[in-house]
Amino acid sequence: MQMSVEKLSDAVTRVILSGALDIKGAAEVELPFSTVTAKNERVVVDVAEVDYVASIGLRLLVGAARTVTRRGGRLVLCNATPNVTRVLETSGLSGLLPNFPSLQLAVAAASQPATA
């Protein structure tokens, strides 16, 4: 699992993940991912190159979303593959981890005020 971070504006940070978000992948990015989400209130997680998400990967994403939301921010996903989308929908997490089909839509959503 690889991770890169890009500041899109003063307000929005993009995290790009690629690889498998399984037990090994989640362990590789857990600390840097948690650090980014702890320091930013508007986060777009680009998962276009994530080909697999295990339950531990979902736990990492959910924990980050809750951390950001508690501070009044928003964490959204973008560009999820059909496999990742299916996992989010099947697990019932698509409401907590909304996915947008483009970076532009995700940035617009992340920039909106948090909903309760």
N, C-alpha and C. Protein backbone atom coordinates (compact mmCIF):
# COMPACT_ATOMS: atom_id res chain seq x y z
N MET A 1 0.85 -1.17 0.00
CA MET A 1 0.00 0.00 0.00
C MET A 1 0.89 1.22 0.00
N GLN A 2 0.58 2.14 -0.88
CA GLN A 2 1.32 3.40 -0.93
C GLN A 2 0.35 4.54 -0.67
N MET A 3 0.89 5.62 -0.12
CA MET A 3 0.09 6.78 0.20
C MET A 3 0.87 8.03 -0.15
N SER A 4 0.17 8.99 -0.75
CA SER A 4 0.76 10.30 -0.97
C SER A 4 -0.27 11.35 -0.56
N VAL A 5 0.22 12.53 -0.24
CA VAL A 5 -0.64 13.60 0.25
C VAL A 5 -0.41 14.84 -0.61
N GLU A 6 -1.51 15.49 -0.94
CA GLU A 6 -1.44 16.69 -1.76
C GLU A 6 -2.38 17.74 -1.18
N LYS A 7 -1.87 18.92 -0.94
CA LYS A 7 -2.70 20.03 -0.45
C LYS A 7 -3.36 20.66 -1.67
N LEU A 8 -4.69 20.55 -1.77
CA LEU A 8 -5.40 21.09 -2.92
C LEU A 8 -5.71 22.57 -2.76
N SER A 9 -5.88 22.99 -1.52
CA SER A 9 -6.14 24.39 -1.20
C SER A 9 -5.78 24.57 0.27
N ASP A 10 -6.02 25.77 0.78
CA ASP A 10 -5.79 25.98 2.21
C ASP A 10 -6.70 25.09 3.04
N ALA A 11 -7.84 24.72 2.48
CA ALA A 11 -8.84 24.00 3.25
C ALA A 11 -8.86 22.49 2.99
N VAL A 12 -8.56 22.05 1.77
CA VAL A 12 -8.77 20.65 1.40
C VAL A 12 -7.44 19.93 1.15
N THR A 13 -7.34 18.74 1.75
CA THR A 13 -6.17 17.88 1.58
C THR A 13 -6.61 16.61 0.88
N ARG A 14 -5.84 16.20 -0.11
CA ARG A 14 -6.12 14.95 -0.84
C ARG A 14 -5.11 13.89 -0.41
N VAL A 15 -5.63 12.73 -0.04
CA VAL A 15 -4.80 11.57 0.28
C VAL A 15 -5.02 10.56 -0.83
N ILE A 16 -3.96 10.13 -1.46
CA ILE A 16 -4.05 9.17 -2.55
C ILE A 16 -3.52 7.83 -2.06
N LEU A 17 -4.38 6.83 -2.08
CA LEU A 17 -4.00 5.49 -1.67
C LEU A 17 -3.93 4.60 -2.91
N SER A 18 -2.96 3.68 -2.92
CA SER A 18 -2.90 2.71 -4.01
C SER A 18 -2.39 1.38 -3.47
N GLY A 19 -3.03 0.31 -3.96
CA GLY A 19 -2.68 -1.03 -3.52
C GLY A 19 -3.84 -1.68 -2.79
N ALA A 20 -3.52 -2.67 -2.00
CA ALA A 20 -4.54 -3.40 -1.24
C ALA A 20 -4.62 -2.86 0.17
N LEU A 21 -5.82 -2.51 0.58
CA LEU A 21 -6.04 -2.02 1.94
C LEU A 21 -6.45 -3.21 2.81
N ASP A 22 -5.52 -4.16 2.91
CA ASP A 22 -5.70 -5.35 3.71
C ASP A 22 -4.90 -5.19 5.00
N ILE A 23 -4.66 -6.25 5.73
CA ILE A 23 -3.98 -6.12 7.02
C ILE A 23 -2.58 -5.54 6.84
N LYS A 24 -1.85 -5.97 5.82
CA LYS A 24 -0.51 -5.45 5.57
C LYS A 24 -0.56 -4.00 5.10
N GLY A 25 -1.43 -3.71 4.15
CA GLY A 25 -1.55 -2.35 3.62
C GLY A 25 -2.01 -1.36 4.66
N ALA A 26 -2.99 -1.74 5.46
CA ALA A 26 -3.49 -0.85 6.51
C ALA A 26 -2.39 -0.55 7.53
N ALA A 27 -1.60 -1.56 7.86
CA ALA A 27 -0.50 -1.36 8.81
C ALA A 27 0.55 -0.39 8.25
N GLU A 28 0.79 -0.47 6.94
CA GLU A 28 1.79 0.38 6.31
C GLU A 28 1.40 1.85 6.31
N VAL A 29 0.10 2.14 6.18
CA VAL A 29 -0.33 3.54 6.07
C VAL A 29 -1.04 4.07 7.32
N GLU A 30 -1.25 3.23 8.31
CA GLU A 30 -2.04 3.65 9.48
C GLU A 30 -1.50 4.91 10.15
N LEU A 31 -0.24 4.95 10.47
CA LEU A 31 0.32 6.12 11.16
C LEU A 31 0.30 7.38 10.30
N PRO A 32 0.82 7.34 9.08
CA PRO A 32 0.78 8.58 8.28
C PRO A 32 -0.65 9.01 7.93
N PHE A 33 -1.53 8.05 7.68
CA PHE A 33 -2.92 8.38 7.35
C PHE A 33 -3.61 9.02 8.55
N SER A 34 -3.42 8.44 9.72
CA SER A 34 -4.02 8.99 10.94
C SER A 34 -3.46 10.37 11.25
N THR A 35 -2.20 10.59 10.98
CA THR A 35 -1.59 11.90 11.20
C THR A 35 -2.21 12.95 10.30
N VAL A 36 -2.39 12.62 9.03
CA VAL A 36 -3.00 13.57 8.08
C VAL A 36 -4.43 13.89 8.49
N THR A 37 -5.20 12.88 8.85
CA THR A 37 -6.60 13.13 9.19
C THR A 37 -6.75 13.81 10.55
N ALA A 38 -5.76 13.69 11.40
CA ALA A 38 -5.81 14.38 12.69
C ALA A 38 -5.50 15.87 12.55
N LYS A 39 -4.81 16.23 11.47
CA LYS A 39 -4.38 17.62 11.30
C LYS A 39 -5.21 18.40 10.29
N ASN A 40 -6.12 17.75 9.58
CA ASN A 40 -6.89 18.40 8.53
C ASN A 40 -8.38 18.19 8.72
N GLU A 41 -9.15 19.21 8.42
CA GLU A 41 -10.61 19.13 8.60
C GLU A 41 -11.37 18.81 7.32
N ARG A 42 -10.75 18.97 6.18
CA ARG A 42 -11.38 18.68 4.89
C ARG A 42 -10.45 17.73 4.14
N VAL A 43 -10.87 16.46 4.05
CA VAL A 43 -9.99 15.44 3.48
C VAL A 43 -10.73 14.67 2.38
N VAL A 44 -10.09 14.58 1.23
CA VAL A 44 -10.57 13.75 0.13
C VAL A 44 -9.60 12.58 0.02
N VAL A 45 -10.13 11.37 0.12
CA VAL A 45 -9.30 10.17 0.00
C VAL A 45 -9.57 9.58 -1.39
N ASP A 46 -8.57 9.66 -2.25
CA ASP A 46 -8.67 9.15 -3.61
C ASP A 46 -8.31 7.67 -3.58
N VAL A 47 -9.29 6.83 -3.88
CA VAL A 47 -9.10 5.38 -3.81
C VAL A 47 -9.17 4.73 -5.20
N ALA A 48 -8.89 5.51 -6.24
CA ALA A 48 -8.95 5.00 -7.61
C ALA A 48 -8.03 3.80 -7.83
N GLU A 49 -6.92 3.77 -7.11
CA GLU A 49 -5.96 2.69 -7.30
C GLU A 49 -5.94 1.69 -6.15
N VAL A 50 -7.02 1.69 -5.36
CA VAL A 50 -7.17 0.68 -4.31
C VAL A 50 -7.97 -0.46 -4.93
N ASP A 51 -7.35 -1.62 -5.00
CA ASP A 51 -8.01 -2.74 -5.66
C ASP A 51 -8.70 -3.70 -4.70
N TYR A 52 -8.46 -3.54 -3.41
CA TYR A 52 -9.05 -4.45 -2.43
C TYR A 52 -9.14 -3.74 -1.08
N VAL A 53 -10.27 -3.92 -0.41
CA VAL A 53 -10.44 -3.38 0.94
C VAL A 53 -10.94 -4.49 1.86
N ALA A 54 -10.16 -4.78 2.89
CA ALA A 54 -10.56 -5.75 3.91
C ALA A 54 -11.20 -5.00 5.07
N SER A 55 -11.73 -5.74 6.02
CA SER A 55 -12.39 -5.11 7.16
C SER A 55 -11.44 -4.20 7.94
N ILE A 56 -10.17 -4.55 8.03
CA ILE A 56 -9.21 -3.70 8.73
C ILE A 56 -9.02 -2.38 7.99
N GLY A 57 -9.10 -2.42 6.67
CA GLY A 57 -9.03 -1.20 5.87
C GLY A 57 -10.24 -0.32 6.08
N LEU A 58 -11.41 -0.95 6.17
CA LEU A 58 -12.63 -0.20 6.48
C LEU A 58 -12.52 0.46 7.84
N ARG A 59 -11.96 -0.28 8.81
CA ARG A 59 -11.79 0.27 10.16
C ARG A 59 -10.91 1.51 10.13
N LEU A 60 -9.85 1.49 9.34
CA LEU A 60 -8.95 2.63 9.22
C LEU A 60 -9.70 3.84 8.64
N LEU A 61 -10.47 3.62 7.58
CA LEU A 61 -11.23 4.71 6.95
C LEU A 61 -12.31 5.26 7.88
N VAL A 62 -13.04 4.36 8.55
CA VAL A 62 -14.10 4.79 9.47
C VAL A 62 -13.51 5.58 10.63
N GLY A 63 -12.42 5.11 11.21
CA GLY A 63 -11.78 5.83 12.31
C GLY A 63 -11.36 7.23 11.90
N ALA A 64 -10.80 7.34 10.71
CA ALA A 64 -10.38 8.65 10.20
C ALA A 64 -11.59 9.55 9.98
N ALA A 65 -12.64 9.01 9.39
CA ALA A 65 -13.85 9.81 9.15
C ALA A 65 -14.44 10.32 10.46
N ARG A 66 -14.46 9.48 11.46
CA ARG A 66 -15.00 9.90 12.77
C ARG A 66 -14.11 10.96 13.41
N THR A 67 -12.81 10.82 13.28
CA THR A 67 -11.88 11.82 13.83
C THR A 67 -12.12 13.18 13.19
N VAL A 68 -12.22 13.19 11.87
CA VAL A 68 -12.43 14.44 11.14
C VAL A 68 -13.80 15.03 11.47
N THR A 69 -14.82 14.20 11.51
CA THR A 69 -16.19 14.67 11.77
C THR A 69 -16.33 15.25 13.17
N ARG A 70 -15.67 14.65 14.14
CA ARG A 70 -15.74 15.16 15.52
C ARG A 70 -15.25 16.60 15.63
N ARG A 71 -14.34 16.97 14.74
CA ARG A 71 -13.81 18.33 14.74
C ARG A 71 -14.60 19.25 13.81
N GLY A 72 -15.72 18.78 13.30
CA GLY A 72 -16.55 19.60 12.43
C GLY A 72 -16.13 19.57 10.98
N GLY A 73 -15.27 18.63 10.60
CA GLY A 73 -14.80 18.53 9.23
C GLY A 73 -15.53 17.45 8.46
N ARG A 74 -15.01 17.16 7.27
CA ARG A 74 -15.60 16.13 6.41
C ARG A 74 -14.49 15.33 5.75
N LEU A 75 -14.70 14.04 5.69
CA LEU A 75 -13.83 13.14 4.95
C LEU A 75 -14.70 12.43 3.93
N VAL A 76 -14.29 12.50 2.68
CA VAL A 76 -15.03 11.83 1.60
C VAL A 76 -14.05 11.04 0.75
N LEU A 77 -14.59 10.07 0.03
CA LEU A 77 -13.80 9.27 -0.89
C LEU A 77 -14.09 9.71 -2.31
N CYS A 78 -13.17 9.42 -3.21
CA CYS A 78 -13.46 9.64 -4.63
C CYS A 78 -12.84 8.55 -5.48
N ASN A 79 -13.48 8.35 -6.63
CA ASN A 79 -12.98 7.45 -7.66
C ASN A 79 -12.89 5.98 -7.25
N ALA A 80 -13.78 5.54 -6.37
CA ALA A 80 -13.74 4.14 -5.94
C ALA A 80 -14.04 3.21 -7.11
N THR A 81 -13.30 2.12 -7.17
CA THR A 81 -13.55 1.09 -8.18
C THR A 81 -14.86 0.39 -7.86
N PRO A 82 -15.42 -0.34 -8.81
CA PRO A 82 -16.65 -1.09 -8.51
C PRO A 82 -16.50 -2.04 -7.33
N ASN A 83 -15.34 -2.69 -7.19
CA ASN A 83 -15.12 -3.59 -6.05
C ASN A 83 -15.16 -2.86 -4.72
N VAL A 84 -14.49 -1.71 -4.65
CA VAL A 84 -14.47 -0.93 -3.41
C VAL A 84 -15.86 -0.37 -3.13
N THR A 85 -16.54 0.09 -4.15
CA THR A 85 -17.91 0.61 -3.97
C THR A 85 -18.81 -0.49 -3.41
N ARG A 86 -18.70 -1.69 -3.94
CA ARG A 86 -19.51 -2.82 -3.48
C ARG A 86 -19.24 -3.11 -2.00
N VAL A 87 -17.98 -3.06 -1.59
CA VAL A 87 -17.63 -3.30 -0.18
C VAL A 87 -18.25 -2.23 0.70
N LEU A 88 -18.18 -0.97 0.29
CA LEU A 88 -18.75 0.13 1.07
C LEU A 88 -20.27 -0.03 1.20
N GLU A 89 -20.92 -0.37 0.12
CA GLU A 89 -22.38 -0.53 0.14
C GLU A 89 -22.80 -1.75 0.94
N THR A 90 -22.11 -2.86 0.75
CA THR A 90 -22.44 -4.10 1.46
C THR A 90 -22.24 -3.95 2.96
N SER A 91 -21.22 -3.20 3.35
CA SER A 91 -20.94 -3.02 4.78
C SER A 91 -21.83 -1.95 5.42
N GLY A 92 -22.58 -1.22 4.61
CA GLY A 92 -23.46 -0.17 5.14
C GLY A 92 -22.71 1.10 5.50
N LEU A 93 -21.53 1.29 4.95
CA LEU A 93 -20.70 2.44 5.32
C LEU A 93 -20.70 3.56 4.28
N SER A 94 -21.51 3.43 3.25
CA SER A 94 -21.49 4.45 2.20
C SER A 94 -22.01 5.80 2.70
N GLY A 95 -22.79 5.82 3.77
CA GLY A 95 -23.23 7.08 4.35
C GLY A 95 -22.12 7.78 5.12
N LEU A 96 -21.36 7.02 5.87
CA LEU A 96 -20.24 7.58 6.65
C LEU A 96 -19.04 7.88 5.76
N LEU A 97 -18.88 7.09 4.70
CA LEU A 97 -17.76 7.24 3.78
C LEU A 97 -18.31 7.47 2.37
N PRO A 98 -18.89 8.65 2.12
CA PRO A 98 -19.47 8.88 0.80
C PRO A 98 -18.40 8.90 -0.29
N ASN A 99 -18.74 8.30 -1.42
CA ASN A 99 -17.82 8.22 -2.56
C ASN A 99 -18.36 9.07 -3.70
N PHE A 100 -17.49 9.84 -4.31
CA PHE A 100 -17.86 10.69 -5.44
C PHE A 100 -17.09 10.24 -6.67
N PRO A 101 -17.72 10.32 -7.84
CA PRO A 101 -17.10 9.79 -9.05
C PRO A 101 -15.96 10.63 -9.62
N SER A 102 -15.74 11.82 -9.08
CA SER A 102 -14.64 12.65 -9.57
C SER A 102 -14.02 13.42 -8.41
N LEU A 103 -12.79 13.85 -8.63
CA LEU A 103 -12.10 14.65 -7.63
C LEU A 103 -12.82 15.97 -7.41
N GLN A 104 -13.30 16.58 -8.48
CA GLN A 104 -13.97 17.88 -8.37
C GLN A 104 -15.22 17.79 -7.49
N LEU A 105 -16.02 16.75 -7.69
CA LEU A 105 -17.22 16.57 -6.86
C LEU A 105 -16.86 16.28 -5.41
N ALA A 106 -15.81 15.50 -5.21
CA ALA A 106 -15.38 15.18 -3.84
C ALA A 106 -14.88 16.42 -3.12
N VAL A 107 -14.11 17.27 -3.82
CA VAL A 107 -13.61 18.50 -3.20
C VAL A 107 -14.78 19.41 -2.83
N ALA A 108 -15.76 19.51 -3.72
CA ALA A 108 -16.94 20.34 -3.42
C ALA A 108 -17.67 19.81 -2.20
N ALA A 109 -17.82 18.50 -2.10
CA ALA A 109 -18.51 17.89 -0.95
C ALA A 109 -17.72 18.07 0.34
N ALA A 110 -16.42 17.89 0.27
CA ALA A 110 -15.57 18.04 1.46
C ALA A 110 -15.57 19.48 1.95
N SER A 111 -15.77 20.42 1.04
CA SER A 111 -15.75 21.83 1.39
C SER A 111 -17.05 22.30 2.05
N GLN A 112 -18.09 21.49 1.95
CA GLN A 112 -19.38 21.87 2.55
C GLN A 112 -19.30 21.73 4.06
N PRO A 113 -20.15 22.49 4.78
CA PRO A 113 -20.20 22.33 6.23
C PRO A 113 -20.57 20.89 6.60
N ALA A 114 -20.03 20.42 7.68
CA ALA A 114 -20.33 19.07 8.14
C ALA A 114 -21.79 18.95 8.51
N THR A 115 -22.36 17.78 8.24
CA THR A 115 -23.74 17.53 8.63
C THR A 115 -23.76 16.68 9.89
N ALA A 116 -24.78 16.89 10.67
CA ALA A 116 -24.86 16.15 11.94
C ALA A 116 -25.35 14.76 11.74
